[in-house]
Amino acid sequence: MATNDHQAIGAWLASKSPDSVAGNLSSTQRSYRKEAERLLLWSILERKKALSSLAAEDAAAYQGFLVDPPPAWCGPRHHQRWSPMWRPLEGPLTPVALRQSLIILKSLFAFLMRQRYVMGSPFAAVALPPDPRRPLGSSRTLTFAQWDHIDTLLQDHADTEPGRRLRRGMRWLYATGLRVAEITSVRCEDLKQVAYKTADGTMASGWLLSVTGRGGRSREVPVPAELVEELGDELARHGFERQVGAISNQGVPVMARFDSALERPPGWSASGLYQAIKAFLAQAAARLEGVDAQQLRKASTHWLRHTHGSHALQGREGQTPVSIEVVQNNLGHVSIGTTSMYFTTDERKKAMRGFWGVPRSEAKKAVAPSEGNTGS
């Protein structure tokens, strides 16, 4: 039984992933901790009361605080939580972020009420901002041309261990649609080679990656053979078996840091991968102008996930789009409705045009005689 607010928050976080190791929080738990600790700091420093003593008027005031926080509460994202430069916020929350924050805090107090730590929830009467329900990644997706620009720069990137690791990270994220926390947690033994029948009936082999995603849900995601071969080359370069599935490679992370002095290479952290990709995208943006440059400066690791979903469903010119069921599995979406939000308006209209056929008015224009050619 929790005896103070900090312990109560800890119990709530533990309930979100009962099997997690102490101190090794999942990405979901870290997100929840951020919201809870932000409220805890605000209640103590701004309202001069315990989190468990907050009332409805405090919850309303906190919502206003998130929309317009004092400058002293804001700072750059990259500072670690233990740094004196760290701040709880980067700036005012967007409507989407505010909605998510309030949903999490409502969940926190619902848990505390079930544990009889508090008698009621101060957030019970707080209305959630409307959900815009815009297409996923509608403003956070790279175009095919932008990704090709990035991929070309990756190919010419420095041939060093960190450079090859960065190339591996970005290409795996784009090709698979995995979350950063997922790609940094998988190991060589999570890859397996499988045989399958192609469309023309011939047999071929490919690779599947076993992933444990949110909520402990497992799935298998296809991985291009080229990426697995590159991983094998990197393993061999550092004295490991080239065959990725070799027993001696068990425990080696796919995003291993081979520059470590340790006998077994540690995995690249999610934050380390994030920062490296942000820095590279800023360099890539410097070679572009206008909207393309602006997009790349804003882009992050999660943009690669959105881009995977959008590009797979669109299909490149001359290539067949990936079925929505396969993309749903790749991204680990529980609902296919979530995956369908990657379809843009243009894609929906083109798909239905194929079903409806060409309108009669356009068909008539297509066969109408051109001016000056009225026939005999």
Protein backbone atom coordinates (compact mmCIF):
# COMPACT_ATOMS: atom_id res chain seq x y z
CA MET A 1 0.00 0.00 0.00
CA ALA A 2 1.46 3.37 -1.06
CA THR A 3 2.11 5.84 1.76
CA ASN A 4 2.94 8.88 -0.40
CA ASP A 5 2.30 10.27 -3.87
CA HIS A 6 5.63 9.12 -5.31
CA GLN A 7 5.00 5.53 -4.25
CA ALA A 8 1.45 5.71 -5.60
CA ILE A 9 2.74 6.83 -9.01
CA GLY A 10 5.31 4.03 -8.94
CA ALA A 11 2.59 1.46 -8.27
CA TRP A 12 0.54 2.83 -11.16
CA LEU A 13 3.49 2.64 -13.54
CA ALA A 14 4.27 -0.92 -12.44
CA SER A 15 0.68 -1.93 -13.19
CA LYS A 16 1.16 -0.88 -16.83
CA SER A 17 3.77 -3.59 -17.35
CA PRO A 18 3.77 -6.08 -14.44
CA ASP A 19 6.61 -8.16 -15.94
CA SER A 20 9.01 -5.25 -16.48
CA VAL A 21 12.30 -5.16 -14.57
CA ALA A 22 12.61 -2.41 -11.98
CA GLY A 23 14.33 0.61 -13.50
CA ASN A 24 13.83 -0.67 -17.06
CA LEU A 25 10.63 1.10 -18.08
CA SER A 26 8.89 0.54 -21.40
CA SER A 27 8.30 3.49 -23.74
CA THR A 28 4.67 3.58 -22.59
CA GLN A 29 5.70 3.67 -18.93
CA ARG A 30 8.19 6.48 -19.62
CA SER A 31 5.46 8.47 -21.35
CA TYR A 32 3.10 7.92 -18.41
CA ARG A 33 5.84 8.80 -15.89
CA LYS A 34 6.48 12.08 -17.69
CA GLU A 35 2.85 13.15 -17.35
CA ALA A 36 2.53 12.04 -13.72
CA GLU A 37 5.79 13.63 -12.56
CA ARG A 38 4.96 16.84 -14.42
CA LEU A 39 1.67 17.07 -12.51
CA LEU A 40 3.41 16.17 -9.24
CA LEU A 41 5.97 18.98 -9.69
CA TRP A 42 3.25 21.46 -10.60
CA SER A 43 1.06 20.57 -7.63
CA ILE A 44 3.97 21.02 -5.20
CA LEU A 45 5.63 24.09 -6.72
CA GLU A 46 2.62 25.98 -8.06
CA ARG A 47 -0.32 24.88 -5.87
CA LYS A 48 1.69 24.12 -2.70
CA LYS A 49 -0.21 20.89 -2.07
CA ALA A 50 0.14 17.14 -2.52
CA LEU A 51 -0.98 15.52 -5.74
CA SER A 52 -3.48 13.47 -3.75
CA SER A 53 -5.03 16.69 -2.42
CA LEU A 54 -5.80 18.23 -5.81
CA ALA A 55 -9.41 19.32 -6.41
CA ALA A 56 -11.46 19.98 -9.56
CA GLU A 57 -10.41 23.64 -9.69
CA ASP A 58 -6.75 22.55 -9.55
CA ALA A 59 -7.26 20.22 -12.51
CA ALA A 60 -8.81 23.06 -14.52
CA ALA A 61 -5.89 25.32 -13.59
CA TYR A 62 -3.41 22.63 -14.62
CA GLN A 63 -5.04 22.32 -18.03
CA GLY A 64 -4.59 26.06 -18.50
CA PHE A 65 -0.98 25.75 -17.34
CA LEU A 66 -0.22 23.15 -20.05
CA VAL A 67 -1.69 25.42 -22.72
CA ASP A 68 0.34 28.44 -21.58
CA PRO A 69 3.25 27.37 -19.32
CA PRO A 70 5.62 29.96 -17.79
CA PRO A 71 8.98 30.24 -19.63
CA ALA A 72 10.80 28.97 -16.53
CA TRP A 73 9.07 25.60 -16.97
CA CYS A 74 10.19 25.19 -20.60
CA GLY A 75 13.46 24.03 -22.14
CA PRO A 76 14.98 21.96 -24.97
CA ARG A 77 14.03 18.30 -25.12
CA HIS A 78 17.55 16.88 -25.33
CA HIS A 79 18.57 17.55 -21.70
CA GLN A 80 18.56 14.48 -19.44
CA ARG A 81 16.21 14.40 -16.45
CA TRP A 82 19.13 14.66 -14.03
CA SER A 83 20.58 17.77 -15.73
CA PRO A 84 20.09 21.19 -14.07
CA MET A 85 19.09 22.41 -17.55
CA TRP A 86 16.19 19.95 -17.76
CA ARG A 87 12.65 21.37 -17.78
CA PRO A 88 9.29 19.53 -17.66
CA LEU A 89 8.01 21.11 -20.90
CA GLU A 90 9.32 22.22 -24.26
CA GLY A 91 6.52 24.77 -24.62
CA PRO A 92 2.72 24.91 -24.81
CA LEU A 93 1.13 21.56 -25.57
CA THR A 94 -0.64 21.12 -28.88
CA PRO A 95 -4.33 20.10 -28.74
CA VAL A 96 -3.32 16.52 -29.58
CA ALA A 97 -0.64 16.41 -26.85
CA LEU A 98 -2.97 18.08 -24.34
CA ARG A 99 -5.68 15.51 -25.02
CA GLN A 100 -3.19 12.66 -24.53
CA SER A 101 -1.90 14.20 -21.28
CA LEU A 102 -5.39 14.49 -19.82
CA ILE A 103 -6.29 10.94 -20.85
CA ILE A 104 -3.20 9.64 -19.02
CA LEU A 105 -3.94 11.66 -15.87
CA LYS A 106 -7.55 10.46 -15.84
CA SER A 107 -6.13 6.93 -15.98
CA LEU A 108 -3.77 7.69 -13.09
CA PHE A 109 -6.53 8.87 -10.81
CA ALA A 110 -8.85 6.03 -11.83
CA PHE A 111 -6.10 3.65 -10.63
CA LEU A 112 -5.58 5.59 -7.40
CA MET A 113 -9.31 5.46 -6.72
CA ARG A 114 -9.39 1.69 -7.26
CA GLN A 115 -6.53 1.38 -4.79
CA ARG A 116 -8.47 3.64 -2.37
CA TYR A 117 -5.50 5.98 -2.21
CA VAL A 118 -7.81 8.91 -3.14
CA MET A 119 -11.57 9.27 -2.82
CA GLY A 120 -12.19 10.95 -6.16
CA SER A 121 -10.56 12.22 -9.34
CA PRO A 122 -10.02 15.97 -9.80
CA PHE A 123 -9.91 15.33 -13.57
CA ALA A 124 -13.32 13.64 -13.69
CA ALA A 125 -15.09 16.80 -14.86
CA VAL A 126 -12.30 18.00 -17.18
CA ALA A 127 -13.47 17.84 -20.80
CA LEU A 128 -11.02 16.46 -23.33
CA PRO A 129 -10.12 18.64 -26.32
CA PRO A 130 -11.78 17.35 -29.51
CA ASP A 131 -9.86 14.65 -31.33
CA PRO A 132 -8.89 16.06 -34.74
CA ARG A 133 -8.64 12.51 -36.17
CA ARG A 134 -6.39 13.72 -38.97
CA PRO A 135 -4.71 11.01 -41.06
CA LEU A 136 -1.75 9.52 -39.19
CA GLY A 137 1.45 11.23 -40.19
CA SER A 138 -0.40 13.55 -42.58
CA SER A 139 2.11 16.29 -41.76
CA ARG A 140 4.86 13.99 -40.48
CA THR A 141 5.53 11.83 -43.51
CA LEU A 142 8.40 12.10 -45.97
CA THR A 143 7.73 12.05 -49.69
CA PHE A 144 9.35 9.41 -51.86
CA ALA A 145 11.75 12.07 -53.19
CA GLN A 146 12.70 13.19 -49.68
CA TRP A 147 13.39 9.61 -48.58
CA ASP A 148 15.44 8.96 -51.73
CA HIS A 149 17.52 12.05 -50.91
CA ILE A 150 18.13 10.72 -47.39
CA ASP A 151 18.93 7.22 -48.62
CA THR A 152 21.48 8.57 -51.11
CA LEU A 153 23.21 10.53 -48.35
CA LEU A 154 23.21 7.43 -46.15
CA GLN A 155 24.94 5.48 -48.91
CA ASP A 156 27.69 8.12 -49.06
CA HIS A 157 27.89 8.49 -45.27
CA ALA A 158 31.19 7.96 -43.49
CA ASP A 159 32.32 4.31 -43.60
CA THR A 160 32.89 4.10 -39.86
CA GLU A 161 31.20 1.96 -37.23
CA PRO A 162 28.94 4.84 -36.05
CA GLY A 163 28.22 5.77 -39.68
CA ARG A 164 27.25 2.24 -40.68
CA ARG A 165 25.19 1.89 -37.50
CA LEU A 166 23.28 5.08 -38.32
CA ARG A 167 22.64 3.79 -41.84
CA ARG A 168 21.45 0.48 -40.38
CA GLY A 169 19.12 2.20 -37.92
CA MET A 170 17.45 4.50 -40.44
CA ARG A 171 17.01 1.84 -43.12
CA TRP A 172 15.60 -0.72 -40.70
CA LEU A 173 13.12 1.81 -39.29
CA TYR A 174 11.94 2.81 -42.78
CA ALA A 175 11.78 -0.76 -44.11
CA THR A 176 9.93 -2.28 -41.14
CA GLY A 177 7.91 0.55 -39.57
CA LEU A 178 9.08 -0.44 -36.08
CA ARG A 179 9.03 1.93 -33.14
CA VAL A 180 12.41 3.11 -31.83
CA ALA A 181 11.91 1.17 -28.59
CA GLU A 182 11.21 -1.96 -30.64
CA ILE A 183 14.20 -1.73 -33.00
CA THR A 184 16.60 -1.09 -30.11
CA SER A 185 15.36 -4.12 -28.19
CA VAL A 186 15.53 -6.87 -30.84
CA ARG A 187 18.43 -9.35 -30.99
CA CYS A 188 20.00 -11.51 -33.70
CA GLU A 189 18.08 -14.57 -32.50
CA ASP A 190 14.83 -12.69 -33.17
CA LEU A 191 15.55 -13.03 -36.90
CA LYS A 192 14.65 -16.23 -38.71
CA GLN A 193 14.89 -17.27 -42.34
CA VAL A 194 11.74 -18.73 -43.86
CA ALA A 195 10.75 -20.26 -47.18
CA TYR A 196 7.67 -19.00 -49.02
CA LYS A 197 5.95 -19.32 -52.39
CA THR A 198 6.04 -16.32 -54.73
CA ALA A 199 3.18 -15.10 -56.91
CA ASP A 200 4.39 -17.19 -59.85
CA GLY A 201 4.52 -20.35 -57.72
CA THR A 202 8.29 -20.59 -57.31
CA MET A 203 9.91 -20.98 -53.90
CA ALA A 204 12.01 -18.23 -52.33
CA SER A 205 13.45 -17.43 -48.91
CA GLY A 206 13.04 -14.34 -46.75
CA TRP A 207 13.50 -13.05 -43.23
CA LEU A 208 11.05 -12.42 -40.39
CA LEU A 209 11.79 -10.46 -37.22
CA SER A 210 9.96 -11.37 -34.01
CA VAL A 211 8.96 -8.21 -32.16
CA THR A 212 7.28 -7.63 -28.82
CA GLY A 213 5.36 -4.38 -29.03
CA ARG A 214 3.04 -2.37 -26.85
CA GLY A 215 1.00 -4.29 -24.35
CA GLY A 216 3.34 -7.27 -24.67
CA ARG A 217 1.81 -8.16 -28.06
CA SER A 218 4.10 -10.19 -30.33
CA ARG A 219 4.24 -10.06 -34.10
CA GLU A 220 6.56 -11.08 -36.95
CA VAL A 221 7.68 -8.38 -39.36
CA PRO A 222 9.31 -9.04 -42.77
CA VAL A 223 12.84 -7.65 -43.21
CA PRO A 224 14.60 -7.16 -46.57
CA ALA A 225 17.34 -9.74 -47.15
CA GLU A 226 19.73 -6.92 -48.08
CA LEU A 227 19.48 -5.46 -44.58
CA VAL A 228 20.12 -8.83 -42.95
CA GLU A 229 23.15 -9.34 -45.20
CA GLU A 230 24.53 -5.93 -44.18
CA LEU A 231 24.08 -6.89 -40.53
CA GLY A 232 25.97 -10.12 -41.22
CA ASP A 233 28.79 -8.13 -42.83
CA GLU A 234 29.02 -5.92 -39.73
CA LEU A 235 29.07 -8.93 -37.43
CA ALA A 236 31.91 -10.50 -39.44
CA ARG A 237 33.82 -7.20 -39.50
CA HIS A 238 33.96 -7.29 -35.71
CA GLY A 239 34.88 -10.93 -35.25
CA PHE A 240 31.42 -12.51 -35.01
CA GLU A 241 29.85 -15.19 -37.23
CA ARG A 242 28.60 -13.73 -40.51
CA GLN A 243 25.50 -15.94 -40.34
CA VAL A 244 23.15 -13.78 -38.29
CA GLY A 245 21.32 -16.78 -36.80
CA ALA A 246 24.50 -18.45 -35.52
CA ILE A 247 24.30 -19.57 -31.88
CA SER A 248 27.33 -17.45 -31.00
CA ASN A 249 25.42 -14.33 -32.11
CA GLN A 250 22.60 -14.85 -29.64
CA GLY A 251 22.18 -11.82 -27.43
CA VAL A 252 23.82 -9.45 -29.91
CA PRO A 253 21.44 -6.53 -30.57
CA VAL A 254 20.48 -5.74 -34.15
CA MET A 255 21.38 -2.13 -33.26
CA ALA A 256 24.62 -3.21 -31.56
CA ARG A 257 27.34 -0.67 -30.77
CA PHE A 258 30.42 -2.44 -32.05
CA ASP A 259 32.62 0.49 -31.00
CA SER A 260 32.32 -0.60 -27.37
CA ALA A 261 35.34 -2.01 -25.55
CA LEU A 262 33.12 -4.71 -24.03
CA GLU A 263 33.46 -8.31 -25.25
CA ARG A 264 29.76 -8.43 -26.09
CA PRO A 265 28.53 -5.26 -27.84
CA PRO A 266 25.79 -3.36 -26.01
CA GLY A 267 22.68 -2.16 -27.81
CA TRP A 268 22.22 1.39 -29.03
CA SER A 269 19.82 3.18 -26.69
CA ALA A 270 16.54 4.55 -28.00
CA SER A 271 17.59 8.09 -27.05
CA GLY A 272 20.99 7.64 -28.70
CA LEU A 273 19.40 6.46 -31.94
CA TYR A 274 16.90 9.33 -31.81
CA GLN A 275 19.59 11.99 -31.35
CA ALA A 276 21.83 10.55 -34.08
CA ILE A 277 18.99 10.47 -36.60
CA LYS A 278 17.88 14.03 -35.71
CA ALA A 279 21.44 15.27 -36.28
CA PHE A 280 21.69 13.47 -39.63
CA LEU A 281 18.31 14.80 -40.81
CA ALA A 282 19.47 18.34 -39.98
CA GLN A 283 22.52 17.76 -42.19
CA ALA A 284 20.31 16.38 -44.95
CA ALA A 285 18.02 19.41 -44.68
CA ALA A 286 20.98 21.75 -45.19
CA ARG A 287 21.32 20.38 -48.75
CA LEU A 288 17.72 21.23 -49.65
CA GLU A 289 15.60 24.36 -49.86
CA GLY A 290 12.03 25.39 -49.18
CA VAL A 291 9.42 22.94 -47.95
CA ASP A 292 11.72 19.93 -48.32
CA ALA A 293 14.32 21.48 -46.02
CA GLN A 294 11.64 22.47 -43.49
CA GLN A 295 10.23 18.94 -43.44
CA LEU A 296 13.60 17.31 -42.82
CA ARG A 297 14.45 19.75 -40.02
CA LYS A 298 11.22 18.78 -38.25
CA ALA A 299 11.52 15.05 -38.98
CA SER A 300 12.44 12.47 -36.35
CA THR A 301 12.59 8.72 -35.87
CA HIS A 302 8.81 8.44 -35.65
CA TRP A 303 8.51 10.10 -39.05
CA LEU A 304 10.23 7.02 -40.51
CA ARG A 305 7.47 4.87 -39.01
CA HIS A 306 4.77 7.12 -40.51
CA THR A 307 6.62 7.13 -43.82
CA HIS A 308 6.76 3.33 -43.88
CA GLY A 309 2.99 3.13 -43.43
CA SER A 310 2.22 5.79 -46.04
CA HIS A 311 4.71 4.58 -48.68
CA ALA A 312 3.74 0.91 -48.26
CA LEU A 313 0.05 1.66 -48.76
CA GLN A 314 0.71 4.01 -51.70
CA GLY A 315 3.23 1.84 -53.52
CA ARG A 316 5.88 3.40 -55.72
CA GLU A 317 5.08 4.04 -59.37
CA GLY A 318 5.10 0.70 -61.15
CA GLN A 319 4.96 -1.28 -57.90
CA THR A 320 1.97 -2.90 -56.23
CA PRO A 321 0.89 -1.28 -52.95
CA VAL A 322 1.20 -3.43 -49.83
CA SER A 323 -2.10 -4.75 -48.46
CA ILE A 324 -3.44 -2.90 -45.46
CA GLU A 325 -3.42 -6.11 -43.38
CA VAL A 326 0.34 -6.51 -43.87
CA VAL A 327 0.99 -2.85 -43.02
CA GLN A 328 -1.21 -3.20 -39.92
CA ASN A 329 0.93 -6.12 -38.77
CA ASN A 330 4.20 -4.30 -39.51
CA LEU A 331 3.16 -1.29 -37.45
CA GLY A 332 1.63 -3.35 -34.66
CA HIS A 333 -1.75 -1.63 -34.79
CA VAL A 334 -4.52 -3.35 -32.86
CA SER A 335 -7.20 -1.87 -35.12
CA ILE A 336 -7.06 -1.84 -38.90
CA GLY A 337 -8.96 1.44 -38.64
CA THR A 338 -5.81 3.04 -37.22
CA THR A 339 -3.76 1.83 -40.18
CA SER A 340 -6.36 3.10 -42.66
CA MET A 341 -5.71 6.63 -41.44
CA TYR A 342 -2.48 6.56 -43.46
CA PHE A 343 -4.56 6.70 -46.63
CA THR A 344 -4.64 10.25 -47.96
CA THR A 345 -7.71 11.77 -49.62
CA ASP A 346 -6.04 11.46 -53.03
CA GLU A 347 -5.31 7.77 -52.48
CA ARG A 348 -8.90 7.07 -51.42
CA LYS A 349 -10.24 8.88 -54.49
CA LYS A 350 -7.87 7.07 -56.87
CA ALA A 351 -8.82 3.71 -55.36
CA MET A 352 -12.55 4.36 -55.75
CA ARG A 353 -12.06 5.72 -59.26
CA GLY A 354 -10.57 2.34 -60.15
CA PHE A 355 -13.68 0.67 -58.75
CA TRP A 356 -16.22 3.06 -60.30
CA GLY A 357 -14.50 3.38 -63.67
CA VAL A 358 -13.91 6.53 -65.75
CA PRO A 359 -16.89 8.96 -65.69
CA ARG A 360 -18.88 9.04 -68.96
CA SER A 361 -18.16 12.75 -69.37
CA GLU A 362 -14.41 12.11 -69.33
CA ALA A 363 -14.75 9.07 -71.56
CA LYS A 364 -16.57 11.17 -74.18
CA LYS A 365 -13.82 13.80 -74.07
CA ALA A 366 -11.23 11.10 -74.61
CA VAL A 367 -12.84 9.87 -77.85
CA ALA A 368 -14.06 13.25 -79.15
CA PRO A 369 -12.45 14.31 -82.47
CA SER A 370 -9.78 16.96 -82.09
CA GLU A 371 -10.28 20.43 -83.50
CA GLY A 372 -9.73 20.50 -87.27
CA ASN A 373 -10.17 16.76 -87.60
CA THR A 374 -13.89 16.27 -88.27
CA GLY A 375 -13.50 13.20 -90.41
CA SER A 376 -14.56 12.60 -94.02
